[in-house]
Amino acid sequence: MPRRYHHYVYVVELSPDVLYEPRFKKANPDYVAGKPCVYVGMTGLDPDVRFDKHKAGIQSNRFVQAFGLRLLPELYEMYNPMPYDGARDMEVELAIGLREAGYGVWQA
C-alpha cells in the first residue's frame, strides 16, 4: 500500500507593519519596498488549521500571531502534500526564493 504524504509548506501574508519590527527588518536587508512580507513554515496539519492555530496563539510564531493576514496558497499549493523531509527542505528553498525575489521573509 503506498504511503500517503501529509506534510505541507505554507506561506502567510504579513501586514507591512511587521517592517517596524527590528528583528524582521534586520533579517531582510534586501527587501524591495512594496513587495509582500511573508512567513514561510511547514506543518503536518492542513495549512488552514495551522494558520488558525498561529492566530489563536497555539504554538504560534509571534509575527504570524500579531501581523498574519491570510494564507497565500498560490505560492505553495503546487508543492503539497509531501513527505516530511521534502517539506523541511522545501520550507528553506521557498523562503530563499521569495527573499531573492525581494519579499520580506520570516522562516520558522
PDB file of N, CA and C in Angstrom:
ATOM      1  N   MET A   1       0.834  -1.170   0.000  1.00  0.00           N
ATOM      2  CA  MET A   1       0.000   0.000   0.000  1.00  0.00           C
ATOM      3  C   MET A   1       0.892   1.252   0.000  1.00  0.00           C
ATOM      4  N   PRO A   2       0.686   2.178  -0.949  1.00  0.00           N
ATOM      5  CA  PRO A   2       1.533   3.367  -0.999  1.00  0.00           C
ATOM      6  C   PRO A   2       1.298   4.271   0.214  1.00  0.00           C
ATOM      7  N   ARG A   3       2.360   4.921   0.615  1.00  0.00           N
ATOM      8  CA  ARG A   3       2.298   5.802   1.774  1.00  0.00           C
ATOM      9  C   ARG A   3       1.652   7.136   1.396  1.00  0.00           C
ATOM     10  N   ARG A   4       0.764   7.617   2.243  1.00  0.00           N
ATOM     11  CA  ARG A   4       0.099   8.890   1.996  1.00  0.00           C
ATOM     12  C   ARG A   4       0.893  10.008   2.675  1.00  0.00           C
ATOM     13  N   TYR A   5       1.295  10.985   1.890  1.00  0.00           N
ATOM     14  CA  TYR A   5       2.059  12.102   2.439  1.00  0.00           C
ATOM     15  C   TYR A   5       1.119  13.080   3.133  1.00  0.00           C
ATOM     16  N   HIS A   6       1.589  13.662   4.227  1.00  0.00           N
ATOM     17  CA  HIS A   6       0.713  14.582   4.953  1.00  0.00           C
ATOM     18  C   HIS A   6       1.457  15.782   5.545  1.00  0.00           C
ATOM     19  N   HIS A   7       2.556  16.168   4.929  1.00  0.00           N
ATOM     20  CA  HIS A   7       3.259  17.365   5.364  1.00  0.00           C
ATOM     21  C   HIS A   7       3.125  18.440   4.292  1.00  0.00           C
ATOM     22  N   TYR A   8       3.126  19.681   4.765  1.00  0.00           N
ATOM     23  CA  TYR A   8       2.837  20.810   3.892  1.00  0.00           C
ATOM     24  C   TYR A   8       3.786  21.963   4.182  1.00  0.00           C
ATOM     25  N   VAL A   9       4.117  22.714   3.137  1.00  0.00           N
ATOM     26  CA  VAL A   9       4.702  24.034   3.327  1.00  0.00           C
ATOM     27  C   VAL A   9       3.559  25.024   3.153  1.00  0.00           C
ATOM     28  N   TYR A  10       3.691  26.171   3.786  1.00  0.00           N
ATOM     29  CA  TYR A  10       2.651  27.194   3.650  1.00  0.00           C
ATOM     30  C   TYR A  10       3.282  28.573   3.775  1.00  0.00           C
ATOM     31  N   VAL A  11       2.574  29.564   3.232  1.00  0.00           N
ATOM     32  CA  VAL A  11       3.047  30.944   3.253  1.00  0.00           C
ATOM     33  C   VAL A  11       1.912  31.816   3.773  1.00  0.00           C
ATOM     34  N   VAL A  12       2.228  32.643   4.771  1.00  0.00           N
ATOM     35  CA  VAL A  12       1.268  33.571   5.352  1.00  0.00           C
ATOM     36  C   VAL A  12       1.677  34.994   4.977  1.00  0.00           C
ATOM     37  N   GLU A  13       0.735  35.751   4.447  1.00  0.00           N
ATOM     38  CA  GLU A  13       0.998  37.165   4.193  1.00  0.00           C
ATOM     39  C   GLU A  13       0.977  37.904   5.525  1.00  0.00           C
ATOM     40  N   LEU A  14       1.976  38.751   5.737  1.00  0.00           N
ATOM     41  CA  LEU A  14       2.068  39.556   6.943  1.00  0.00           C
ATOM     42  C   LEU A  14       1.777  41.021   6.612  1.00  0.00           C
ATOM     43  N   SER A  15       1.213  41.709   7.562  1.00  0.00           N
ATOM     44  CA  SER A  15       0.974  43.133   7.403  1.00  0.00           C
ATOM     45  C   SER A  15       2.304  43.856   7.190  1.00  0.00           C
ATOM     46  N   PRO A  16       2.314  44.900   6.366  1.00  0.00           N
ATOM     47  CA  PRO A  16       3.552  45.672   6.190  1.00  0.00           C
ATOM     48  C   PRO A  16       4.061  46.285   7.498  1.00  0.00           C
ATOM     49  N   ASP A  17       3.206  46.372   8.507  1.00  0.00           N
ATOM     50  CA  ASP A  17       3.635  46.897   9.806  1.00  0.00           C
ATOM     51  C   ASP A  17       4.745  46.054  10.430  1.00  0.00           C
ATOM     52  N   VAL A  18       4.902  44.802   9.981  1.00  0.00           N
ATOM     53  CA  VAL A  18       5.967  43.946  10.507  1.00  0.00           C
ATOM     54  C   VAL A  18       7.347  44.538  10.205  1.00  0.00           C
ATOM     55  N   LEU A  19       7.418  45.417   9.211  1.00  0.00           N
ATOM     56  CA  LEU A  19       8.699  46.044   8.860  1.00  0.00           C
ATOM     57  C   LEU A  19       9.203  46.983   9.955  1.00  0.00           C
ATOM     58  N   TYR A  20       8.346  47.339  10.899  1.00  0.00           N
ATOM     59  CA  TYR A  20       8.770  48.166  12.035  1.00  0.00           C
ATOM     60  C   TYR A  20       9.400  47.330  13.147  1.00  0.00           C
ATOM     61  N   GLU A  21       9.358  46.015  13.002  1.00  0.00           N
ATOM     62  CA  GLU A  21       9.965  45.114  13.977  1.00  0.00           C
ATOM     63  C   GLU A  21      11.460  44.970  13.647  1.00  0.00           C
ATOM     64  N   PRO A  22      12.342  45.370  14.566  1.00  0.00           N
ATOM     65  CA  PRO A  22      13.784  45.338  14.265  1.00  0.00           C
ATOM     66  C   PRO A  22      14.318  43.979  13.826  1.00  0.00           C
ATOM     67  N   ARG A  23      13.867  42.902  14.454  1.00  0.00           N
ATOM     68  CA  ARG A  23      14.378  41.567  14.066  1.00  0.00           C
ATOM     69  C   ARG A  23      13.959  41.208  12.642  1.00  0.00           C
ATOM     70  N   PHE A  24      12.736  41.545  12.270  1.00  0.00           N
ATOM     71  CA  PHE A  24      12.258  41.251  10.920  1.00  0.00           C
ATOM     72  C   PHE A  24      13.039  42.091   9.908  1.00  0.00           C
ATOM     73  N   LYS A  25      13.172  43.369  10.194  1.00  0.00           N
ATOM     74  CA  LYS A  25      13.886  44.267   9.280  1.00  0.00           C
ATOM     75  C   LYS A  25      15.341  43.825   9.101  1.00  0.00           C
ATOM     76  N   LYS A  26      15.994  43.436  10.195  1.00  0.00           N
ATOM     77  CA  LYS A  26      17.393  43.006  10.131  1.00  0.00           C
ATOM     78  C   LYS A  26      17.556  41.725   9.309  1.00  0.00           C
ATOM     79  N   ALA A  27      16.566  40.841   9.359  1.00  0.00           N
ATOM     80  CA  ALA A  27      16.619  39.572   8.620  1.00  0.00           C
ATOM     81  C   ALA A  27      16.366  39.758   7.126  1.00  0.00           C
ATOM     82  N   ASN A  28      15.962  40.955   6.725  1.00  0.00           N
ATOM     83  CA  ASN A  28      15.603  41.210   5.325  1.00  0.00           C
ATOM     84  C   ASN A  28      16.275  42.470   4.781  1.00  0.00           C
ATOM     85  N   PRO A  29      17.613  42.485   4.749  1.00  0.00           N
ATOM     86  CA  PRO A  29      18.304  43.702   4.305  1.00  0.00           C
ATOM     87  C   PRO A  29      18.069  44.044   2.830  1.00  0.00           C
ATOM     88  N   ASP A  30      17.691  43.065   2.018  1.00  0.00           N
ATOM     89  CA  ASP A  30      17.477  43.308   0.587  1.00  0.00           C
ATOM     90  C   ASP A  30      16.003  43.405   0.226  1.00  0.00           C
ATOM     91  N   TYR A  31      15.149  43.667   1.228  1.00  0.00           N
ATOM     92  CA  TYR A  31      13.716  43.802   0.976  1.00  0.00           C
ATOM     93  C   TYR A  31      13.466  44.923  -0.031  1.00  0.00           C
ATOM     94  N   VAL A  32      12.596  44.651  -1.006  1.00  0.00           N
ATOM     95  CA  VAL A  32      12.218  45.632  -2.018  1.00  0.00           C
ATOM     96  C   VAL A  32      10.903  46.272  -1.592  1.00  0.00           C
ATOM     97  N   ALA A  33      10.923  47.571  -1.382  1.00  0.00           N
ATOM     98  CA  ALA A  33       9.726  48.284  -0.930  1.00  0.00           C
ATOM     99  C   ALA A  33       8.536  47.981  -1.845  1.00  0.00           C
ATOM    100  N   GLY A  34       7.405  47.681  -1.217  1.00  0.00           N
ATOM    101  CA  GLY A  34       6.191  47.370  -1.965  1.00  0.00           C
ATOM    102  C   GLY A  34       5.927  45.888  -2.154  1.00  0.00           C
ATOM    103  N   LYS A  35       6.962  45.063  -2.006  1.00  0.00           N
ATOM    104  CA  LYS A  35       6.770  43.610  -2.099  1.00  0.00           C
ATOM    105  C   LYS A  35       6.107  43.121  -0.815  1.00  0.00           C
ATOM    106  N   PRO A  36       5.419  41.980  -0.874  1.00  0.00           N
ATOM    107  CA  PRO A  36       4.779  41.453   0.334  1.00  0.00           C
ATOM    108  C   PRO A  36       5.787  40.998   1.382  1.00  0.00           C
ATOM    109  N   CYS A  37       5.340  41.015   2.618  1.00  0.00           N
ATOM    110  CA  CYS A  37       6.068  40.415   3.731  1.00  0.00           C
ATOM    111  C   CYS A  37       5.357  39.109   4.050  1.00  0.00           C
ATOM    112  N   VAL A  38       6.119  38.042   4.263  1.00  0.00           N
ATOM    113  CA  VAL A  38       5.517  36.725   4.440  1.00  0.00           C
ATOM    114  C   VAL A  38       6.234  35.922   5.518  1.00  0.00           C
ATOM    115  N   TYR A  39       5.528  34.931   6.011  1.00  0.00           N
ATOM    116  CA  TYR A  39       6.084  33.910   6.896  1.00  0.00           C
ATOM    117  C   TYR A  39       6.007  32.601   6.139  1.00  0.00           C
ATOM    118  N   VAL A  40       7.087  31.828   6.111  1.00  0.00           N
ATOM    119  CA  VAL A  40       7.112  30.523   5.452  1.00  0.00           C
ATOM    120  C   VAL A  40       7.297  29.460   6.530  1.00  0.00           C
ATOM    121  N   GLY A  41       6.417  28.468   6.524  1.00  0.00           N
ATOM    122  CA  GLY A  41       6.512  27.404   7.509  1.00  0.00           C
ATOM    123  C   GLY A  41       6.200  26.053   6.901  1.00  0.00           C
ATOM    124  N   MET A  42       6.313  25.012   7.738  1.00  0.00           N
ATOM    125  CA  MET A  42       5.924  23.659   7.335  1.00  0.00           C
ATOM    126  C   MET A  42       5.123  23.049   8.466  1.00  0.00           C
ATOM    127  N   THR A  43       4.266  22.116   8.129  1.00  0.00           N
ATOM    128  CA  THR A  43       3.380  21.533   9.132  1.00  0.00           C
ATOM    129  C   THR A  43       2.908  20.153   8.695  1.00  0.00           C
ATOM    130  N   GLY A  44       2.492  19.373   9.668  1.00  0.00           N
ATOM    131  CA  GLY A  44       1.838  18.096   9.404  1.00  0.00           C
ATOM    132  C   GLY A  44       0.328  18.257   9.382  1.00  0.00           C
ATOM    133  N   LEU A  45      -0.151  19.477   9.617  1.00  0.00           N
ATOM    134  CA  LEU A  45      -1.578  19.787   9.606  1.00  0.00           C
ATOM    135  C   LEU A  45      -1.954  20.429   8.279  1.00  0.00           C
ATOM    136  N   ASP A  46      -3.252  20.532   8.030  1.00  0.00           N
ATOM    137  CA  ASP A  46      -3.722  21.312   6.896  1.00  0.00           C
ATOM    138  C   ASP A  46      -3.282  22.767   7.123  1.00  0.00           C
ATOM    139  N   PRO A  47      -2.775  23.463   6.106  1.00  0.00           N
ATOM    140  CA  PRO A  47      -2.321  24.836   6.303  1.00  0.00           C
ATOM    141  C   PRO A  47      -3.382  25.773   6.900  1.00  0.00           C
ATOM    142  N   ASP A  48      -4.655  25.572   6.563  1.00  0.00           N
ATOM    143  CA  ASP A  48      -5.720  26.407   7.140  1.00  0.00           C
ATOM    144  C   ASP A  48      -5.805  26.209   8.654  1.00  0.00           C
ATOM    145  N   VAL A  49      -5.705  24.971   9.090  1.00  0.00           N
ATOM    146  CA  VAL A  49      -5.751  24.662  10.517  1.00  0.00           C
ATOM    147  C   VAL A  49      -4.528  25.258  11.206  1.00  0.00           C
ATOM    148  N   ARG A  50      -3.367  25.124  10.583  1.00  0.00           N
ATOM    149  CA  ARG A  50      -2.142  25.652  11.183  1.00  0.00           C
ATOM    150  C   ARG A  50      -2.208  27.172  11.310  1.00  0.00           C
ATOM    151  N   PHE A  51      -2.727  27.850  10.291  1.00  0.00           N
ATOM    152  CA  PHE A  51      -2.869  29.307  10.347  1.00  0.00           C
ATOM    153  C   PHE A  51      -3.789  29.710  11.501  1.00  0.00           C
ATOM    154  N   ASP A  52      -4.906  29.001  11.658  1.00  0.00           N
ATOM    155  CA  ASP A  52      -5.828  29.292  12.760  1.00  0.00           C
ATOM    156  C   ASP A  52      -5.139  29.119  14.112  1.00  0.00           C
ATOM    157  N   LYS A  53      -4.285  28.101  14.234  1.00  0.00           N
ATOM    158  CA  LYS A  53      -3.556  27.887  15.489  1.00  0.00           C
ATOM    159  C   LYS A  53      -2.574  29.032  15.751  1.00  0.00           C
ATOM    160  N   HIS A  54      -1.878  29.488  14.705  1.00  0.00           N
ATOM    161  CA  HIS A  54      -0.992  30.640  14.864  1.00  0.00           C
ATOM    162  C   HIS A  54      -1.778  31.827  15.419  1.00  0.00           C
ATOM    163  N   LYS A  55      -2.905  32.136  14.795  1.00  0.00           N
ATOM    164  CA  LYS A  55      -3.686  33.301  15.186  1.00  0.00           C
ATOM    165  C   LYS A  55      -4.251  33.164  16.598  1.00  0.00           C
ATOM    166  N   ALA A  56      -4.514  31.928  17.022  1.00  0.00           N
ATOM    167  CA  ALA A  56      -5.036  31.678  18.364  1.00  0.00           C
ATOM    168  C   ALA A  56      -3.926  31.629  19.415  1.00  0.00           C
ATOM    169  N   GLY A  57      -2.670  31.703  18.990  1.00  0.00           N
ATOM    170  CA  GLY A  57      -1.557  31.674  19.929  1.00  0.00           C
ATOM    171  C   GLY A  57      -1.119  30.284  20.329  1.00  0.00           C
ATOM    172  N   ILE A  58      -1.536  29.275  19.589  1.00  0.00           N
ATOM    173  CA  ILE A  58      -1.179  27.882  19.883  1.00  0.00           C
ATOM    174  C   ILE A  58       0.054  27.518  19.050  1.00  0.00           C
ATOM    175  N   GLN A  59       1.178  27.285  19.724  1.00  0.00           N
ATOM    176  CA  GLN A  59       2.458  27.017  19.040  1.00  0.00           C
ATOM    177  C   GLN A  59       2.661  28.023  17.916  1.00  0.00           C
ATOM    178  N   SER A  60       2.489  29.278  18.259  1.00  0.00           N
ATOM    179  CA  SER A  60       2.444  30.343  17.269  1.00  0.00           C
ATOM    180  C   SER A  60       3.778  31.040  17.091  1.00  0.00           C
ATOM    181  N   ASN A  61       4.017  31.485  15.889  1.00  0.00           N
ATOM    182  CA  ASN A  61       5.101  32.416  15.627  1.00  0.00           C
ATOM    183  C   ASN A  61       4.561  33.800  15.949  1.00  0.00           C
ATOM    184  N   ARG A  62       5.327  34.601  16.660  1.00  0.00           N
ATOM    185  CA  ARG A  62       4.807  35.895  17.110  1.00  0.00           C
ATOM    186  C   ARG A  62       4.488  36.838  15.963  1.00  0.00           C
ATOM    187  N   PHE A  63       5.249  36.751  14.859  1.00  0.00           N
ATOM    188  CA  PHE A  63       4.957  37.616  13.722  1.00  0.00           C
ATOM    189  C   PHE A  63       3.638  37.217  13.060  1.00  0.00           C
ATOM    190  N   VAL A  64       3.368  35.928  12.973  1.00  0.00           N
ATOM    191  CA  VAL A  64       2.110  35.487  12.376  1.00  0.00           C
ATOM    192  C   VAL A  64       0.944  35.852  13.293  1.00  0.00           C
ATOM    193  N   GLN A  65       1.109  35.641  14.593  1.00  0.00           N
ATOM    194  CA  GLN A  65       0.028  35.957  15.518  1.00  0.00           C
ATOM    195  C   GLN A  65      -0.318  37.443  15.472  1.00  0.00           C
ATOM    196  N   ALA A  66       0.688  38.304  15.460  1.00  0.00           N
ATOM    197  CA  ALA A  66       0.446  39.743  15.508  1.00  0.00           C
ATOM    198  C   ALA A  66       0.159  40.367  14.136  1.00  0.00           C
ATOM    199  N   PHE A  67       0.791  39.845  13.067  1.00  0.00           N
ATOM    200  CA  PHE A  67       0.726  40.510  11.774  1.00  0.00           C
ATOM    201  C   PHE A  67       0.143  39.654  10.645  1.00  0.00           C
ATOM    202  N   GLY A  68      -0.192  38.375  10.932  1.00  0.00           N
ATOM    203  CA  GLY A  68      -0.697  37.484   9.885  1.00  0.00           C
ATOM    204  C   GLY A  68      -2.035  37.944   9.338  1.00  0.00           C
ATOM    205  N   LEU A  69      -2.127  38.027   8.011  1.00  0.00           N
ATOM    206  CA  LEU A  69      -3.354  38.461   7.354  1.00  0.00           C
ATOM    207  C   LEU A  69      -4.117  37.298   6.731  1.00  0.00           C
ATOM    208  N   ARG A  70      -3.409  36.488   5.965  1.00  0.00           N
ATOM    209  CA  ARG A  70      -4.060  35.387   5.246  1.00  0.00           C
ATOM    210  C   ARG A  70      -3.005  34.467   4.673  1.00  0.00           C
ATOM    211  N   LEU A  71      -3.448  33.278   4.286  1.00  0.00           N
ATOM    212  CA  LEU A  71      -2.580  32.346   3.572  1.00  0.00           C
ATOM    213  C   LEU A  71      -2.457  32.790   2.122  1.00  0.00           C
ATOM    214  N   LEU A  72      -1.334  32.469   1.511  1.00  0.00           N
ATOM    215  CA  LEU A  72      -1.102  32.755   0.092  1.00  0.00           C
ATOM    216  C   LEU A  72      -0.904  31.436  -0.660  1.00  0.00           C
ATOM    217  N   PRO A  73      -1.998  30.678  -0.866  1.00  0.00           N
ATOM    218  CA  PRO A  73      -1.861  29.348  -1.465  1.00  0.00           C
ATOM    219  C   PRO A  73      -1.246  29.339  -2.858  1.00  0.00           C
ATOM    220  N   GLU A  74      -1.334  30.446  -3.579  1.00  0.00           N
ATOM    221  CA  GLU A  74      -0.736  30.485  -4.916  1.00  0.00           C
ATOM    222  C   GLU A  74       0.781  30.336  -4.865  1.00  0.00           C
ATOM    223  N   LEU A  75       1.378  30.545  -3.694  1.00  0.00           N
ATOM    224  CA  LEU A  75       2.828  30.411  -3.553  1.00  0.00           C
ATOM    225  C   LEU A  75       3.272  29.031  -3.071  1.00  0.00           C
ATOM    226  N   TYR A  76       2.318  28.177  -2.645  1.00  0.00           N
ATOM    227  CA  TYR A  76       2.754  26.895  -2.078  1.00  0.00           C
ATOM    228  C   TYR A  76       1.919  25.680  -2.445  1.00  0.00           C
ATOM    229  N   GLU A  77       0.682  25.850  -2.881  1.00  0.00           N
ATOM    230  CA  GLU A  77      -0.181  24.670  -3.015  1.00  0.00           C
ATOM    231  C   GLU A  77       0.300  23.657  -4.046  1.00  0.00           C
ATOM    232  N   MET A  78       1.094  24.096  -5.017  1.00  0.00           N
ATOM    233  CA  MET A  78       1.582  23.167  -6.043  1.00  0.00           C
ATOM    234  C   MET A  78       2.587  22.154  -5.494  1.00  0.00           C
ATOM    235  N   TYR A  79       3.136  22.418  -4.298  1.00  0.00           N
ATOM    236  CA  TYR A  79       4.128  21.531  -3.697  1.00  0.00           C
ATOM    237  C   TYR A  79       3.515  20.482  -2.766  1.00  0.00           C
ATOM    238  N   ASN A  80       2.305  20.699  -2.316  1.00  0.00           N
ATOM    239  CA  ASN A  80       1.705  19.891  -1.246  1.00  0.00           C
ATOM    240  C   ASN A  80       0.800  18.784  -1.753  1.00  0.00           C
ATOM    241  N   PRO A  81       0.621  17.714  -0.975  1.00  0.00           N
ATOM    242  CA  PRO A  81       1.381  17.316   0.212  1.00  0.00           C
ATOM    243  C   PRO A  81       2.697  16.653  -0.185  1.00  0.00           C
ATOM    244  N   MET A  82       3.547  16.437   0.809  1.00  0.00           N
ATOM    245  CA  MET A  82       4.853  15.833   0.551  1.00  0.00           C
ATOM    246  C   MET A  82       5.344  15.123   1.798  1.00  0.00           C
ATOM    247  N   PRO A  83       6.396  14.321   1.671  1.00  0.00           N
ATOM    248  CA  PRO A  83       6.952  13.673   2.865  1.00  0.00           C
ATOM    249  C   PRO A  83       7.618  14.712   3.774  1.00  0.00           C
ATOM    250  N   TYR A  84       7.850  14.334   5.011  1.00  0.00           N
ATOM    251  CA  TYR A  84       8.437  15.241   5.998  1.00  0.00           C
ATOM    252  C   TYR A  84       9.741  15.861   5.503  1.00  0.00           C
ATOM    253  N   ASP A  85      10.669  15.032   5.008  1.00  0.00           N
ATOM    254  CA  ASP A  85      11.961  15.552   4.549  1.00  0.00           C
ATOM    255  C   ASP A  85      11.797  16.543   3.402  1.00  0.00           C
ATOM    256  N   GLY A  86      10.870  16.258   2.520  1.00  0.00           N
ATOM    257  CA  GLY A  86      10.605  17.169   1.405  1.00  0.00           C
ATOM    258  C   GLY A  86      10.066  18.502   1.884  1.00  0.00           C
ATOM    259  N   ALA A  87       9.152  18.461   2.859  1.00  0.00           N
ATOM    260  CA  ALA A  87       8.576  19.701   3.397  1.00  0.00           C
ATOM    261  C   ALA A  87       9.641  20.516   4.126  1.00  0.00           C
ATOM    262  N   ARG A  88      10.481  19.826   4.889  1.00  0.00           N
ATOM    263  CA  ARG A  88      11.548  20.515   5.627  1.00  0.00           C
ATOM    264  C   ARG A  88      12.473  21.250   4.657  1.00  0.00           C
ATOM    265  N   ASP A  89      12.865  20.579   3.583  1.00  0.00           N
ATOM    266  CA  ASP A  89      13.757  21.185   2.592  1.00  0.00           C
ATOM    267  C   ASP A  89      13.046  22.273   1.786  1.00  0.00           C
ATOM    268  N   MET A  90      11.794  22.025   1.421  1.00  0.00           N
ATOM    269  CA  MET A  90      11.049  22.988   0.615  1.00  0.00           C
ATOM    270  C   MET A  90      10.791  24.277   1.379  1.00  0.00           C
ATOM    271  N   GLU A  91      10.612  24.182   2.693  1.00  0.00           N
ATOM    272  CA  GLU A  91      10.419  25.392   3.509  1.00  0.00           C
ATOM    273  C   GLU A  91      11.611  26.330   3.342  1.00  0.00           C
ATOM    274  N   VAL A  92      12.811  25.778   3.406  1.00  0.00           N
ATOM    275  CA  VAL A  92      14.031  26.575   3.270  1.00  0.00           C
ATOM    276  C   VAL A  92      14.154  27.113   1.850  1.00  0.00           C
ATOM    277  N   GLU A  93      13.950  26.262   0.861  1.00  0.00           N
ATOM    278  CA  GLU A  93      14.088  26.677  -0.536  1.00  0.00           C
ATOM    279  C   GLU A  93      13.081  27.758  -0.912  1.00  0.00           C
ATOM    280  N   LEU A  94      11.841  27.595  -0.461  1.00  0.00           N
ATOM    281  CA  LEU A  94      10.800  28.572  -0.768  1.00  0.00           C
ATOM    282  C   LEU A  94      11.130  29.914  -0.124  1.00  0.00           C
ATOM    283  N   ALA A  95      11.581  29.894   1.123  1.00  0.00           N
ATOM    284  CA  ALA A  95      11.951  31.139   1.803  1.00  0.00           C
ATOM    285  C   ALA A  95      13.102  31.835   1.079  1.00  0.00           C
ATOM    286  N   ILE A  96      14.099  31.079   0.673  1.00  0.00           N
ATOM    287  CA  ILE A  96      15.237  31.662  -0.056  1.00  0.00           C
ATOM    288  C   ILE A  96      14.769  32.274  -1.370  1.00  0.00           C
ATOM    289  N   GLY A  97      13.944  31.542  -2.103  1.00  0.00           N
ATOM    290  CA  GLY A  97      13.443  32.041  -3.388  1.00  0.00           C
ATOM    291  C   GLY A  97      12.631  33.323  -3.250  1.00  0.00           C
ATOM    292  N   LEU A  98      11.775  33.386  -2.242  1.00  0.00           N
ATOM    293  CA  LEU A  98      10.968  34.591  -2.030  1.00  0.00           C
ATOM    294  C   LEU A  98      11.845  35.761  -1.596  1.00  0.00           C
ATOM    295  N   ARG A  99      12.812  35.502  -0.736  1.00  0.00           N
ATOM    296  CA  ARG A  99      13.722  36.570  -0.289  1.00  0.00           C
ATOM    297  C   ARG A  99      14.519  37.088  -1.491  1.00  0.00           C
ATOM    298  N   GLU A 100      14.975  36.191  -2.365  1.00  0.00           N
ATOM    299  CA  GLU A 100      15.720  36.618  -3.560  1.00  0.00           C
ATOM    300  C   GLU A 100      14.843  37.438  -4.501  1.00  0.00           C
ATOM    301  N   ALA A 101      13.518  37.213  -4.447  1.00  0.00           N
ATOM    302  CA  ALA A 101      12.586  37.970  -5.281  1.00  0.00           C
ATOM    303  C   ALA A 101      12.202  39.312  -4.642  1.00  0.00           C
ATOM    304  N   GLY A 102      12.806  39.630  -3.489  1.00  0.00           N
ATOM    305  CA  GLY A 102      12.578  40.920  -2.862  1.00  0.00           C
ATOM    306  C   GLY A 102      11.539  40.937  -1.758  1.00  0.00           C
ATOM    307  N   TYR A 103      10.931  39.782  -1.475  1.00  0.00           N
ATOM    308  CA  TYR A 103       9.948  39.700  -0.398  1.00  0.00           C
ATOM    309  C   TYR A 103      10.630  39.884   0.955  1.00  0.00           C
ATOM    310  N   GLY A 104       9.869  40.361   1.931  1.00  0.00           N
ATOM    311  CA  GLY A 104      10.313  40.318   3.320  1.00  0.00           C
ATOM    312  C   GLY A 104       9.898  38.971   3.862  1.00  0.00           C
ATOM    313  N   VAL A 105      10.835  38.159   4.353  1.00  0.00           N
ATOM    314  CA  VAL A 105      10.536  36.763   4.711  1.00  0.00           C
ATOM    315  C   VAL A 105      10.978  36.461   6.132  1.00  0.00           C
ATOM    316  N   TRP A 106      10.090  35.802   6.881  1.00  0.00           N
ATOM    317  CA  TRP A 106      10.456  35.198   8.150  1.00  0.00           C
ATOM    318  C   TRP A 106      10.196  33.714   7.999  1.00  0.00           C
ATOM    319  N   GLN A 107      11.173  32.905   8.375  1.00  0.00           N
ATOM    320  CA  GLN A 107      11.050  31.458   8.222  1.00  0.00           C
ATOM    321  C   GLN A 107      11.204  30.809   9.582  1.00  0.00           C
ATOM    322  N   ALA A 108      10.397  29.760   9.821  1.00  0.00           N
ATOM    323  CA  ALA A 108      10.387  29.103  11.138  1.00  0.00           C
ATOM    324  C   ALA A 108      11.693  28.525  11.484  1.00  0.00           C
TER     325      ALA A 108
END
